[in-house]
Amino acid sequence: MKNISNTIKKLELELLKPEIRKNKNSLDELLADDFKEFTSIGTVIDKKDVLKNLPKESLVKWKVSNFKIKAIAQDIVLVTYKVQKIDLKNKKTIVSLRSSLWRNISNNWQIVFHQGTIIK
């Protein structure tokens, strides 16, 4: 499980890097075709929405804490963590709880579900 945990943590944190968030090819590799997200503002988006809109996101800085990984099945893991998202343009900070499900598809880990819930 330790190797899987290291891999999943690396992949989850990759999704927070500006160079990955702006690269449609990288996002396409990391997101499963059936990806769904419940956003922190209460909308539901899919892979197509992410590929279209995430590369346009303004520059942000992330601070991750309480990162945990739990195996749900041999090929599915749950990731939970807390994140501070700092918009570098307007200096606004949003804190949220995050959860993701990752699935091993043909020996390749991809994210299939993500949810962010804003906290005060």
PDB file of N, CA and C in Angstrom:
ATOM      1  N   MET A   1       0.824  -1.207   0.000  1.00  0.00           N
ATOM      2  CA  MET A   1       0.000   0.000   0.000  1.00  0.00           C
ATOM      3  C   MET A   1       0.863   1.263   0.000  1.00  0.00           C
ATOM      4  N   LYS A   2       2.069   1.185   0.592  1.00  0.00           N
ATOM      5  CA  LYS A   2       2.929   2.365   0.671  1.00  0.00           C
ATOM      6  C   LYS A   2       3.284   2.897  -0.715  1.00  0.00           C
ATOM      7  N   ASN A   3       3.617   2.004  -1.661  1.00  0.00           N
ATOM      8  CA  ASN A   3       3.930   2.449  -3.021  1.00  0.00           C
ATOM      9  C   ASN A   3       2.733   3.106  -3.683  1.00  0.00           C
ATOM     10  N   ILE A   4       1.553   2.518  -3.484  1.00  0.00           N
ATOM     11  CA  ILE A   4       0.336   3.100  -4.046  1.00  0.00           C
ATOM     12  C   ILE A   4       0.074   4.460  -3.418  1.00  0.00           C
ATOM     13  N   SER A   5       0.236   4.561  -2.106  1.00  0.00           N
ATOM     14  CA  SER A   5       0.019   5.840  -1.419  1.00  0.00           C
ATOM     15  C   SER A   5       0.942   6.928  -1.952  1.00  0.00           C
ATOM     16  N   ASN A   6       2.206   6.597  -2.138  1.00  0.00           N
ATOM     17  CA  ASN A   6       3.156   7.577  -2.679  1.00  0.00           C
ATOM     18  C   ASN A   6       2.762   8.006  -4.085  1.00  0.00           C
ATOM     19  N   THR A   7       2.353   7.048  -4.900  1.00  0.00           N
ATOM     20  CA  THR A   7       1.941   7.346  -6.276  1.00  0.00           C
ATOM     21  C   THR A   7       0.717   8.244  -6.292  1.00  0.00           C
ATOM     22  N   ILE A   8      -0.287   7.885  -5.509  1.00  0.00           N
ATOM     23  CA  ILE A   8      -1.533   8.654  -5.491  1.00  0.00           C
ATOM     24  C   ILE A   8      -1.305  10.060  -4.952  1.00  0.00           C
ATOM     25  N   LYS A   9      -0.528  10.183  -3.900  1.00  0.00           N
ATOM     26  CA  LYS A   9      -0.245  11.519  -3.361  1.00  0.00           C
ATOM     27  C   LYS A   9       0.454  12.375  -4.410  1.00  0.00           C
ATOM     28  N   LYS A  10       1.412  11.801  -5.096  1.00  0.00           N
ATOM     29  CA  LYS A  10       2.122  12.530  -6.157  1.00  0.00           C
ATOM     30  C   LYS A  10       1.140  12.986  -7.234  1.00  0.00           C
ATOM     31  N   LEU A  11       0.251  12.092  -7.669  1.00  0.00           N
ATOM     32  CA  LEU A  11      -0.708  12.423  -8.724  1.00  0.00           C
ATOM     33  C   LEU A  11      -1.706  13.484  -8.266  1.00  0.00           C
ATOM     34  N   GLU A  12      -2.206  13.340  -7.048  1.00  0.00           N
ATOM     35  CA  GLU A  12      -3.171  14.324  -6.521  1.00  0.00           C
ATOM     36  C   GLU A  12      -2.533  15.708  -6.442  1.00  0.00           C
ATOM     37  N   LEU A  13      -1.311  15.771  -5.962  1.00  0.00           N
ATOM     38  CA  LEU A  13      -0.618  17.051  -5.858  1.00  0.00           C
ATOM     39  C   LEU A  13      -0.237  17.610  -7.228  1.00  0.00           C
ATOM     40  N   GLU A  14      -0.030  16.724  -8.205  1.00  0.00           N
ATOM     41  CA  GLU A  14       0.218  17.176  -9.580  1.00  0.00           C
ATOM     42  C   GLU A  14      -0.947  18.034 -10.068  1.00  0.00           C
ATOM     43  N   LEU A  15      -2.161  17.624  -9.706  1.00  0.00           N
ATOM     44  CA  LEU A  15      -3.356  18.342 -10.152  1.00  0.00           C
ATOM     45  C   LEU A  15      -3.444  19.760  -9.581  1.00  0.00           C
ATOM     46  N   LEU A  16      -2.620  20.085  -8.609  1.00  0.00           N
ATOM     47  CA  LEU A  16      -2.601  21.432  -8.045  1.00  0.00           C
ATOM     48  C   LEU A  16      -1.512  22.310  -8.669  1.00  0.00           C
ATOM     49  N   LYS A  17      -0.633  21.730  -9.454  1.00  0.00           N
ATOM     50  CA  LYS A  17       0.467  22.489 -10.055  1.00  0.00           C
ATOM     51  C   LYS A  17      -0.040  23.299 -11.248  1.00  0.00           C
ATOM     52  N   PRO A  18       0.332  24.594 -11.310  1.00  0.00           N
ATOM     53  CA  PRO A  18      -0.132  25.444 -12.415  1.00  0.00           C
ATOM     54  C   PRO A  18       0.204  24.888 -13.797  1.00  0.00           C
ATOM     55  N   GLU A  19       1.391  24.310 -13.935  1.00  0.00           N
ATOM     56  CA  GLU A  19       1.791  23.805 -15.250  1.00  0.00           C
ATOM     57  C   GLU A  19       0.952  22.605 -15.681  1.00  0.00           C
ATOM     58  N   ILE A  20       0.435  21.843 -14.744  1.00  0.00           N
ATOM     59  CA  ILE A  20      -0.448  20.717 -15.057  1.00  0.00           C
ATOM     60  C   ILE A  20      -1.862  21.233 -15.313  1.00  0.00           C
ATOM     61  N   ARG A  21      -2.328  22.159 -14.484  1.00  0.00           N
ATOM     62  CA  ARG A  21      -3.679  22.702 -14.610  1.00  0.00           C
ATOM     63  C   ARG A  21      -3.886  23.427 -15.937  1.00  0.00           C
ATOM     64  N   LYS A  22      -2.820  23.946 -16.509  1.00  0.00           N
ATOM     65  CA  LYS A  22      -2.915  24.665 -17.780  1.00  0.00           C
ATOM     66  C   LYS A  22      -2.650  23.772 -18.991  1.00  0.00           C
ATOM     67  N   ASN A  23      -2.303  22.507 -18.768  1.00  0.00           N
ATOM     68  CA  ASN A  23      -1.925  21.603 -19.852  1.00  0.00           C
ATOM     69  C   ASN A  23      -3.027  20.565 -20.093  1.00  0.00           C
ATOM     70  N   LYS A  24      -3.764  20.724 -21.173  1.00  0.00           N
ATOM     71  CA  LYS A  24      -4.885  19.823 -21.465  1.00  0.00           C
ATOM     72  C   LYS A  24      -4.442  18.373 -21.638  1.00  0.00           C
ATOM     73  N   ASN A  25      -3.264  18.153 -22.193  1.00  0.00           N
ATOM     74  CA  ASN A  25      -2.779  16.774 -22.366  1.00  0.00           C
ATOM     75  C   ASN A  25      -2.507  16.110 -21.022  1.00  0.00           C
ATOM     76  N   SER A  26      -1.891  16.843 -20.121  1.00  0.00           N
ATOM     77  CA  SER A  26      -1.628  16.295 -18.779  1.00  0.00           C
ATOM     78  C   SER A  26      -2.929  16.019 -18.047  1.00  0.00           C
ATOM     79  N   LEU A  27      -3.870  16.951 -18.131  1.00  0.00           N
ATOM     80  CA  LEU A  27      -5.169  16.758 -17.484  1.00  0.00           C
ATOM     81  C   LEU A  27      -5.898  15.558 -18.078  1.00  0.00           C
ATOM     82  N   ASP A  28      -5.817  15.410 -19.386  1.00  0.00           N
ATOM     83  CA  ASP A  28      -6.482  14.298 -20.073  1.00  0.00           C
ATOM     84  C   ASP A  28      -5.950  12.950 -19.581  1.00  0.00           C
ATOM     85  N   GLU A  29      -4.655  12.878 -19.295  1.00  0.00           N
ATOM     86  CA  GLU A  29      -4.053  11.643 -18.794  1.00  0.00           C
ATOM     87  C   GLU A  29      -4.462  11.352 -17.351  1.00  0.00           C
ATOM     88  N   LEU A  30      -4.612  12.400 -16.541  1.00  0.00           N
ATOM     89  CA  LEU A  30      -4.903  12.219 -15.115  1.00  0.00           C
ATOM     90  C   LEU A  30      -6.383  11.979 -14.826  1.00  0.00           C
ATOM     91  N   LEU A  31      -7.268  12.520 -15.650  1.00  0.00           N
ATOM     92  CA  LEU A  31      -8.700  12.394 -15.420  1.00  0.00           C
ATOM     93  C   LEU A  31      -9.269  11.230 -16.223  1.00  0.00           C
ATOM     94  N   ALA A  32     -10.020  10.381 -15.543  1.00  0.00           N
ATOM     95  CA  ALA A  32     -10.697   9.275 -16.221  1.00  0.00           C
ATOM     96  C   ALA A  32     -11.780   9.854 -17.142  1.00  0.00           C
ATOM     97  N   ASP A  33     -12.115   9.110 -18.181  1.00  0.00           N
ATOM     98  CA  ASP A  33     -13.124   9.586 -19.122  1.00  0.00           C
ATOM     99  C   ASP A  33     -14.477   9.811 -18.454  1.00  0.00           C
ATOM    100  N   ASP A  34     -14.775   9.052 -17.402  1.00  0.00           N
ATOM    101  CA  ASP A  34     -16.052   9.203 -16.694  1.00  0.00           C
ATOM    102  C   ASP A  34     -15.935  10.090 -15.448  1.00  0.00           C
ATOM    103  N   PHE A  35     -14.901  10.933 -15.393  1.00  0.00           N
ATOM    104  CA  PHE A  35     -14.662  11.824 -14.263  1.00  0.00           C
ATOM    105  C   PHE A  35     -15.861  12.732 -13.995  1.00  0.00           C
ATOM    106  N   LYS A  36     -16.164  12.917 -12.703  1.00  0.00           N
ATOM    107  CA  LYS A  36     -17.180  13.857 -12.237  1.00  0.00           C
ATOM    108  C   LYS A  36     -16.616  14.616 -11.041  1.00  0.00           C
ATOM    109  N   GLU A  37     -17.030  15.866 -10.920  1.00  0.00           N
ATOM    110  CA  GLU A  37     -16.648  16.666  -9.768  1.00  0.00           C
ATOM    111  C   GLU A  37     -17.859  17.405  -9.236  1.00  0.00           C
ATOM    112  N   PHE A  38     -18.008  17.380  -7.905  1.00  0.00           N
ATOM    113  CA  PHE A  38     -18.960  18.236  -7.218  1.00  0.00           C
ATOM    114  C   PHE A  38     -18.126  19.422  -6.739  1.00  0.00           C
ATOM    115  N   THR A  39     -18.296  20.574  -7.379  1.00  0.00           N
ATOM    116  CA  THR A  39     -17.441  21.720  -7.077  1.00  0.00           C
ATOM    117  C   THR A  39     -17.816  22.366  -5.755  1.00  0.00           C
ATOM    118  N   SER A  40     -16.912  23.198  -5.272  1.00  0.00           N
ATOM    119  CA  SER A  40     -17.128  23.883  -3.997  1.00  0.00           C
ATOM    120  C   SER A  40     -18.246  24.914  -4.080  1.00  0.00           C
ATOM    121  N   ILE A  41     -18.678  25.274  -5.295  1.00  0.00           N
ATOM    122  CA  ILE A  41     -19.781  26.222  -5.444  1.00  0.00           C
ATOM    123  C   ILE A  41     -21.096  25.515  -5.780  1.00  0.00           C
ATOM    124  N   GLY A  42     -21.087  24.182  -5.714  1.00  0.00           N
ATOM    125  CA  GLY A  42     -22.325  23.435  -5.839  1.00  0.00           C
ATOM    126  C   GLY A  42     -22.725  23.009  -7.242  1.00  0.00           C
ATOM    127  N   THR A  43     -21.798  23.063  -8.189  1.00  0.00           N
ATOM    128  CA  THR A  43     -22.099  22.589  -9.536  1.00  0.00           C
ATOM    129  C   THR A  43     -21.471  21.213  -9.755  1.00  0.00           C
ATOM    130  N   VAL A  44     -21.946  20.525 -10.780  1.00  0.00           N
ATOM    131  CA  VAL A  44     -21.385  19.233 -11.166  1.00  0.00           C
ATOM    132  C   VAL A  44     -20.742  19.419 -12.532  1.00  0.00           C
ATOM    133  N   ILE A  45     -19.470  19.029 -12.624  1.00  0.00           N
ATOM    134  CA  ILE A  45     -18.759  19.141 -13.892  1.00  0.00           C
ATOM    135  C   ILE A  45     -18.157  17.794 -14.271  1.00  0.00           C
ATOM    136  N   ASP A  46     -17.793  17.657 -15.549  1.00  0.00           N
ATOM    137  CA  ASP A  46     -17.184  16.417 -16.024  1.00  0.00           C
ATOM    138  C   ASP A  46     -15.820  16.718 -16.649  1.00  0.00           C
ATOM    139  N   LYS A  47     -15.219  15.704 -17.222  1.00  0.00           N
ATOM    140  CA  LYS A  47     -13.877  15.830 -17.792  1.00  0.00           C
ATOM    141  C   LYS A  47     -13.835  16.904 -18.881  1.00  0.00           C
ATOM    142  N   LYS A  48     -14.841  16.921 -19.722  1.00  0.00           N
ATOM    143  CA  LYS A  48     -14.894  17.900 -20.814  1.00  0.00           C
ATOM    144  C   LYS A  48     -14.877  19.328 -20.255  1.00  0.00           C
ATOM    145  N   ASP A  49     -15.639  19.558 -19.181  1.00  0.00           N
ATOM    146  CA  ASP A  49     -15.669  20.881 -18.541  1.00  0.00           C
ATOM    147  C   ASP A  49     -14.303  21.260 -17.983  1.00  0.00           C
ATOM    148  N   VAL A  50     -13.645  20.307 -17.341  1.00  0.00           N
ATOM    149  CA  VAL A  50     -12.320  20.571 -16.767  1.00  0.00           C
ATOM    150  C   VAL A  50     -11.319  20.912 -17.863  1.00  0.00           C
ATOM    151  N   LEU A  51     -11.302  20.130 -18.934  1.00  0.00           N
ATOM    152  CA  LEU A  51     -10.353  20.378 -20.021  1.00  0.00           C
ATOM    153  C   LEU A  51     -10.596  21.731 -20.683  1.00  0.00           C
ATOM    154  N   LYS A  52     -11.840  22.163 -20.699  1.00  0.00           N
ATOM    155  CA  LYS A  52     -12.185  23.445 -21.324  1.00  0.00           C
ATOM    156  C   LYS A  52     -11.845  24.629 -20.416  1.00  0.00           C
ATOM    157  N   ASN A  53     -12.141  24.506 -19.116  1.00  0.00           N
ATOM    158  CA  ASN A  53     -12.083  25.668 -18.232  1.00  0.00           C
ATOM    159  C   ASN A  53     -10.876  25.764 -17.303  1.00  0.00           C
ATOM    160  N   LEU A  54     -10.347  24.650 -16.842  1.00  0.00           N
ATOM    161  CA  LEU A  54      -9.248  24.714 -15.871  1.00  0.00           C
ATOM    162  C   LEU A  54      -8.008  25.420 -16.424  1.00  0.00           C
ATOM    163  N   PRO A  55      -7.622  25.215 -17.690  1.00  0.00           N
ATOM    164  CA  PRO A  55      -6.437  25.924 -18.190  1.00  0.00           C
ATOM    165  C   PRO A  55      -6.574  27.456 -18.173  1.00  0.00           C
ATOM    166  N   LYS A  56      -7.796  27.972 -18.048  1.00  0.00           N
ATOM    167  CA  LYS A  56      -8.031  29.423 -18.019  1.00  0.00           C
ATOM    168  C   LYS A  56      -7.991  29.994 -16.604  1.00  0.00           C
ATOM    169  N   GLU A  57      -7.853  29.124 -15.600  1.00  0.00           N
ATOM    170  CA  GLU A  57      -7.874  29.549 -14.204  1.00  0.00           C
ATOM    171  C   GLU A  57      -6.755  30.537 -13.913  1.00  0.00           C
ATOM    172  N   SER A  58      -7.052  31.523 -13.051  1.00  0.00           N
ATOM    173  CA  SER A  58      -6.011  32.469 -12.656  1.00  0.00           C
ATOM    174  C   SER A  58      -4.976  31.754 -11.790  1.00  0.00           C
ATOM    175  N   LEU A  59      -3.824  32.355 -11.665  1.00  0.00           N
ATOM    176  CA  LEU A  59      -2.715  31.748 -10.924  1.00  0.00           C
ATOM    177  C   LEU A  59      -3.037  31.687  -9.436  1.00  0.00           C
ATOM    178  N   VAL A  60      -2.918  30.489  -8.881  1.00  0.00           N
ATOM    179  CA  VAL A  60      -3.204  30.284  -7.461  1.00  0.00           C
ATOM    180  C   VAL A  60      -2.060  29.528  -6.798  1.00  0.00           C
ATOM    181  N   LYS A  61      -1.988  29.673  -5.488  1.00  0.00           N
ATOM    182  CA  LYS A  61      -1.021  28.935  -4.672  1.00  0.00           C
ATOM    183  C   LYS A  61      -1.825  28.045  -3.738  1.00  0.00           C
ATOM    184  N   TRP A  62      -1.327  26.849  -3.491  1.00  0.00           N
ATOM    185  CA  TRP A  62      -2.033  25.873  -2.668  1.00  0.00           C
ATOM    186  C   TRP A  62      -1.221  25.518  -1.434  1.00  0.00           C
ATOM    187  N   LYS A  63      -1.919  25.372  -0.297  1.00  0.00           N
ATOM    188  CA  LYS A  63      -1.308  24.850   0.926  1.00  0.00           C
ATOM    189  C   LYS A  63      -2.154  23.655   1.353  1.00  0.00           C
ATOM    190  N   VAL A  64      -1.550  22.471   1.310  1.00  0.00           N
ATOM    191  CA  VAL A  64      -2.259  21.224   1.593  1.00  0.00           C
ATOM    192  C   VAL A  64      -1.896  20.734   2.997  1.00  0.00           C
ATOM    193  N   SER A  65      -2.906  20.255   3.723  1.00  0.00           N
ATOM    194  CA  SER A  65      -2.661  19.660   5.038  1.00  0.00           C
ATOM    195  C   SER A  65      -3.615  18.485   5.248  1.00  0.00           C
ATOM    196  N   ASN A  66      -3.339  17.705   6.280  1.00  0.00           N
ATOM    197  CA  ASN A  66      -4.185  16.552   6.656  1.00  0.00           C
ATOM    198  C   ASN A  66      -4.414  15.580   5.502  1.00  0.00           C
ATOM    199  N   PHE A  67      -3.396  15.325   4.720  1.00  0.00           N
ATOM    200  CA  PHE A  67      -3.503  14.443   3.551  1.00  0.00           C
ATOM    201  C   PHE A  67      -3.594  12.988   4.013  1.00  0.00           C
ATOM    202  N   LYS A  68      -4.662  12.299   3.603  1.00  0.00           N
ATOM    203  CA  LYS A  68      -4.859  10.896   3.978  1.00  0.00           C
ATOM    204  C   LYS A  68      -5.308  10.095   2.765  1.00  0.00           C
ATOM    205  N   ILE A  69      -4.873   8.832   2.739  1.00  0.00           N
ATOM    206  CA  ILE A  69      -5.238   7.913   1.659  1.00  0.00           C
ATOM    207  C   ILE A  69      -5.757   6.629   2.286  1.00  0.00           C
ATOM    208  N   LYS A  70      -6.881   6.138   1.745  1.00  0.00           N
ATOM    209  CA  LYS A  70      -7.460   4.893   2.249  1.00  0.00           C
ATOM    210  C   LYS A  70      -7.844   4.016   1.056  1.00  0.00           C
ATOM    211  N   ALA A  71      -7.392   2.764   1.075  1.00  0.00           N
ATOM    212  CA  ALA A  71      -7.774   1.817   0.024  1.00  0.00           C
ATOM    213  C   ALA A  71      -9.234   1.430   0.220  1.00  0.00           C
ATOM    214  N   ILE A  72     -10.018   1.538  -0.833  1.00  0.00           N
ATOM    215  CA  ILE A  72     -11.423   1.146  -0.821  1.00  0.00           C
ATOM    216  C   ILE A  72     -11.566  -0.256  -1.416  1.00  0.00           C
ATOM    217  N   ALA A  73     -10.764  -0.517  -2.423  1.00  0.00           N
ATOM    218  CA  ALA A  73     -10.685  -1.822  -3.082  1.00  0.00           C
ATOM    219  C   ALA A  73      -9.271  -1.930  -3.625  1.00  0.00           C
ATOM    220  N   GLN A  74      -8.959  -3.059  -4.246  1.00  0.00           N
ATOM    221  CA  GLN A  74      -7.600  -3.252  -4.765  1.00  0.00           C
ATOM    222  C   GLN A  74      -7.229  -2.193  -5.807  1.00  0.00           C
ATOM    223  N   ASP A  75      -8.224  -1.719  -6.563  1.00  0.00           N
ATOM    224  CA  ASP A  75      -7.939  -0.778  -7.639  1.00  0.00           C
ATOM    225  C   ASP A  75      -8.597   0.591  -7.435  1.00  0.00           C
ATOM    226  N   ILE A  76      -9.060   0.890  -6.199  1.00  0.00           N
ATOM    227  CA  ILE A  76      -9.701   2.178  -5.909  1.00  0.00           C
ATOM    228  C   ILE A  76      -9.195   2.700  -4.568  1.00  0.00           C
ATOM    229  N   VAL A  77      -8.804   3.988  -4.542  1.00  0.00           N
ATOM    230  CA  VAL A  77      -8.385   4.610  -3.297  1.00  0.00           C
ATOM    231  C   VAL A  77      -9.108   5.939  -3.103  1.00  0.00           C
ATOM    232  N   LEU A  78      -9.325   6.265  -1.838  1.00  0.00           N
ATOM    233  CA  LEU A  78      -9.942   7.519  -1.434  1.00  0.00           C
ATOM    234  C   LEU A  78      -8.866   8.432  -0.876  1.00  0.00           C
ATOM    235  N   VAL A  79      -8.861   9.674  -1.333  1.00  0.00           N
ATOM    236  CA  VAL A  79      -7.925  10.682  -0.841  1.00  0.00           C
ATOM    237  C   VAL A  79      -8.746  11.781  -0.175  1.00  0.00           C
ATOM    238  N   THR A  80      -8.320  12.200   1.015  1.00  0.00           N
ATOM    239  CA  THR A  80      -8.955  13.342   1.679  1.00  0.00           C
ATOM    240  C   THR A  80      -7.867  14.290   2.171  1.00  0.00           C
ATOM    241  N   TYR A  81      -8.167  15.580   2.147  1.00  0.00           N
ATOM    242  CA  TYR A  81      -7.224  16.573   2.642  1.00  0.00           C
ATOM    243  C   TYR A  81      -7.906  17.929   2.778  1.00  0.00           C
ATOM    244  N   LYS A  82      -7.216  18.835   3.427  1.00  0.00           N
ATOM    245  CA  LYS A  82      -7.652  20.218   3.579  1.00  0.00           C
ATOM    246  C   LYS A  82      -6.725  21.077   2.737  1.00  0.00           C
ATOM    247  N   VAL A  83      -7.278  22.096   2.102  1.00  0.00           N
ATOM    248  CA  VAL A  83      -6.441  22.936   1.252  1.00  0.00           C
ATOM    249  C   VAL A  83      -6.814  24.407   1.411  1.00  0.00           C
ATOM    250  N   GLN A  84      -5.778  25.246   1.401  1.00  0.00           N
ATOM    251  CA  GLN A  84      -5.948  26.687   1.291  1.00  0.00           C
ATOM    252  C   GLN A  84      -5.611  27.042  -0.144  1.00  0.00           C
ATOM    253  N   LYS A  85      -6.561  27.664  -0.832  1.00  0.00           N
ATOM    254  CA  LYS A  85      -6.359  28.106  -2.214  1.00  0.00           C
ATOM    255  C   LYS A  85      -6.229  29.622  -2.183  1.00  0.00           C
ATOM    256  N   ILE A  86      -5.046  30.103  -2.548  1.00  0.00           N
ATOM    257  CA  ILE A  86      -4.763  31.535  -2.491  1.00  0.00           C
ATOM    258  C   ILE A  86      -4.666  32.073  -3.918  1.00  0.00           C
ATOM    259  N   ASP A  87      -5.618  32.927  -4.283  1.00  0.00           N
ATOM    260  CA  ASP A  87      -5.608  33.565  -5.602  1.00  0.00           C
ATOM    261  C   ASP A  87      -4.539  34.655  -5.567  1.00  0.00           C
ATOM    262  N   LEU A  88      -3.497  34.499  -6.364  1.00  0.00           N
ATOM    263  CA  LEU A  88      -2.367  35.426  -6.326  1.00  0.00           C
ATOM    264  C   LEU A  88      -2.704  36.783  -6.935  1.00  0.00           C
ATOM    265  N   LYS A  89      -3.771  36.828  -7.745  1.00  0.00           N
ATOM    266  CA  LYS A  89      -4.160  38.093  -8.375  1.00  0.00           C
ATOM    267  C   LYS A  89      -4.884  39.001  -7.390  1.00  0.00           C
ATOM    268  N   ASN A  90      -5.899  38.455  -6.695  1.00  0.00           N
ATOM    269  CA  ASN A  90      -6.676  39.300  -5.780  1.00  0.00           C
ATOM    270  C   ASN A  90      -6.408  38.998  -4.303  1.00  0.00           C
ATOM    271  N   LYS A  91      -5.471  38.110  -4.029  1.00  0.00           N
ATOM    272  CA  LYS A  91      -5.045  37.749  -2.662  1.00  0.00           C
ATOM    273  C   LYS A  91      -6.174  37.140  -1.825  1.00  0.00           C
ATOM    274  N   LYS A  92      -7.197  36.633  -2.457  1.00  0.00           N
ATOM    275  CA  LYS A  92      -8.307  35.996  -1.745  1.00  0.00           C
ATOM    276  C   LYS A  92      -7.938  34.550  -1.413  1.00  0.00           C
ATOM    277  N   THR A  93      -8.258  34.123  -0.170  1.00  0.00           N
ATOM    278  CA  THR A  93      -7.976  32.758   0.267  1.00  0.00           C
ATOM    279  C   THR A  93      -9.282  32.028   0.543  1.00  0.00           C
ATOM    280  N   ILE A  94      -9.378  30.818   0.009  1.00  0.00           N
ATOM    281  CA  ILE A  94     -10.527  29.946   0.251  1.00  0.00           C
ATOM    282  C   ILE A  94      -9.992  28.657   0.859  1.00  0.00           C
ATOM    283  N   VAL A  95     -10.601  28.215   1.956  1.00  0.00           N
ATOM    284  CA  VAL A  95     -10.207  26.965   2.601  1.00  0.00           C
ATOM    285  C   VAL A  95     -11.305  25.943   2.331  1.00  0.00           C
ATOM    286  N   SER A  96     -10.890  24.747   1.918  1.00  0.00           N
ATOM    287  CA  SER A  96     -11.882  23.713   1.635  1.00  0.00           C
ATOM    288  C   SER A  96     -11.374  22.337   2.038  1.00  0.00           C
ATOM    289  N   LEU A  97     -12.332  21.454   2.262  1.00  0.00           N
ATOM    290  CA  LEU A  97     -12.040  20.038   2.447  1.00  0.00           C
ATOM    291  C   LEU A  97     -12.197  19.379   1.097  1.00  0.00           C
ATOM    292  N   ARG A  98     -11.262  18.510   0.744  1.00  0.00           N
ATOM    293  CA  ARG A  98     -11.259  17.871  -0.568  1.00  0.00           C
ATOM    294  C   ARG A  98     -11.298  16.367  -0.414  1.00  0.00           C
ATOM    295  N   SER A  99     -11.964  15.721  -1.361  1.00  0.00           N
ATOM    296  CA  SER A  99     -11.924  14.262  -1.434  1.00  0.00           C
ATOM    297  C   SER A  99     -11.877  13.853  -2.892  1.00  0.00           C
ATOM    298  N   SER A 100     -11.145  12.790  -3.163  1.00  0.00           N
ATOM    299  CA  SER A 100     -10.998  12.269  -4.517  1.00  0.00           C
ATOM    300  C   SER A 100     -11.026  10.755  -4.487  1.00  0.00           C
ATOM    301  N   LEU A 101     -11.570  10.182  -5.532  1.00  0.00           N
ATOM    302  CA  LEU A 101     -11.475   8.738  -5.754  1.00  0.00           C
ATOM    303  C   LEU A 101     -10.589   8.516  -6.966  1.00  0.00           C
ATOM    304  N   TRP A 102      -9.599   7.649  -6.797  1.00  0.00           N
ATOM    305  CA  TRP A 102      -8.681   7.283  -7.871  1.00  0.00           C
ATOM    306  C   TRP A 102      -8.891   5.811  -8.202  1.00  0.00           C
ATOM    307  N   ARG A 103      -8.877   5.483  -9.481  1.00  0.00           N
ATOM    308  CA  ARG A 103      -9.073   4.102  -9.929  1.00  0.00           C
ATOM    309  C   ARG A 103      -7.902   3.705 -10.829  1.00  0.00           C
ATOM    310  N   ASN A 104      -7.429   2.483 -10.634  1.00  0.00           N
ATOM    311  CA  ASN A 104      -6.376   1.950 -11.491  1.00  0.00           C
ATOM    312  C   ASN A 104      -7.040   1.374 -12.742  1.00  0.00           C
ATOM    313  N   ILE A 105      -6.794   2.028 -13.869  1.00  0.00           N
ATOM    314  CA  ILE A 105      -7.385   1.649 -15.150  1.00  0.00           C
ATOM    315  C   ILE A 105      -6.252   1.209 -16.068  1.00  0.00           C
ATOM    316  N   SER A 106      -6.217  -0.084 -16.394  1.00  0.00           N
ATOM    317  CA  SER A 106      -5.162  -0.621 -17.270  1.00  0.00           C
ATOM    318  C   SER A 106      -3.768  -0.247 -16.770  1.00  0.00           C
ATOM    319  N   ASN A 107      -3.546  -0.443 -15.462  1.00  0.00           N
ATOM    320  CA  ASN A 107      -2.251  -0.174 -14.826  1.00  0.00           C
ATOM    321  C   ASN A 107      -1.876   1.309 -14.827  1.00  0.00           C
ATOM    322  N   ASN A 108      -2.889   2.166 -14.854  1.00  0.00           N
ATOM    323  CA  ASN A 108      -2.671   3.606 -14.848  1.00  0.00           C
ATOM    324  C   ASN A 108      -3.692   4.239 -13.893  1.00  0.00           C
ATOM    325  N   TRP A 109      -3.230   4.938 -12.864  1.00  0.00           N
ATOM    326  CA  TRP A 109      -4.127   5.568 -11.910  1.00  0.00           C
ATOM    327  C   TRP A 109      -4.713   6.840 -12.501  1.00  0.00           C
ATOM    328  N   GLN A 110      -6.049   6.948 -12.425  1.00  0.00           N
ATOM    329  CA  GLN A 110      -6.743   8.146 -12.889  1.00  0.00           C
ATOM    330  C   GLN A 110      -7.792   8.544 -11.857  1.00  0.00           C
ATOM    331  N   ILE A 111      -8.024   9.839 -11.757  1.00  0.00           N
ATOM    332  CA  ILE A 111      -9.034  10.345 -10.839  1.00  0.00           C
ATOM    333  C   ILE A 111     -10.407  10.206 -11.507  1.00  0.00           C
ATOM    334  N   VAL A 112     -11.364   9.649 -10.747  1.00  0.00           N
ATOM    335  CA  VAL A 112     -12.711   9.441 -11.294  1.00  0.00           C
ATOM    336  C   VAL A 112     -13.745  10.344 -10.619  1.00  0.00           C
ATOM    337  N   PHE A 113     -13.420  10.846  -9.417  1.00  0.00           N
ATOM    338  CA  PHE A 113     -14.358  11.706  -8.709  1.00  0.00           C
ATOM    339  C   PHE A 113     -13.592  12.659  -7.804  1.00  0.00           C
ATOM    340  N   HIS A 114     -14.095  13.888  -7.720  1.00  0.00           N
ATOM    341  CA  HIS A 114     -13.500  14.867  -6.815  1.00  0.00           C
ATOM    342  C   HIS A 114     -14.605  15.745  -6.244  1.00  0.00           C
ATOM    343  N   GLN A 115     -14.434  16.127  -4.980  1.00  0.00           N
ATOM    344  CA  GLN A 115     -15.370  17.069  -4.353  1.00  0.00           C
ATOM    345  C   GLN A 115     -14.603  18.026  -3.481  1.00  0.00           C
ATOM    346  N   GLY A 116     -14.975  19.299  -3.558  1.00  0.00           N
ATOM    347  CA  GLY A 116     -14.430  20.313  -2.679  1.00  0.00           C
ATOM    348  C   GLY A 116     -15.559  20.983  -1.920  1.00  0.00           C
ATOM    349  N   THR A 117     -15.410  21.100  -0.605  1.00  0.00           N
ATOM    350  CA  THR A 117     -16.427  21.733   0.233  1.00  0.00           C
ATOM    351  C   THR A 117     -15.773  22.880   0.995  1.00  0.00           C
ATOM    352  N   ILE A 118     -16.240  24.097   0.742  1.00  0.00           N
ATOM    353  CA  ILE A 118     -15.672  25.277   1.400  1.00  0.00           C
ATOM    354  C   ILE A 118     -16.016  25.243   2.881  1.00  0.00           C
ATOM    355  N   ILE A 119     -15.015  25.586   3.705  1.00  0.00           N
ATOM    356  CA  ILE A 119     -15.218  25.694   5.147  1.00  0.00           C
ATOM    357  C   ILE A 119     -14.817  27.094   5.597  1.00  0.00           C
ATOM    358  N   LYS A 120     -15.339  27.491   6.709  1.00  0.00           N
ATOM    359  CA  LYS A 120     -15.021  28.817   7.276  1.00  0.00           C
ATOM    360  C   LYS A 120     -13.782  28.732   8.130  1.00  0.00           C
TER     361      LYS A 120
END
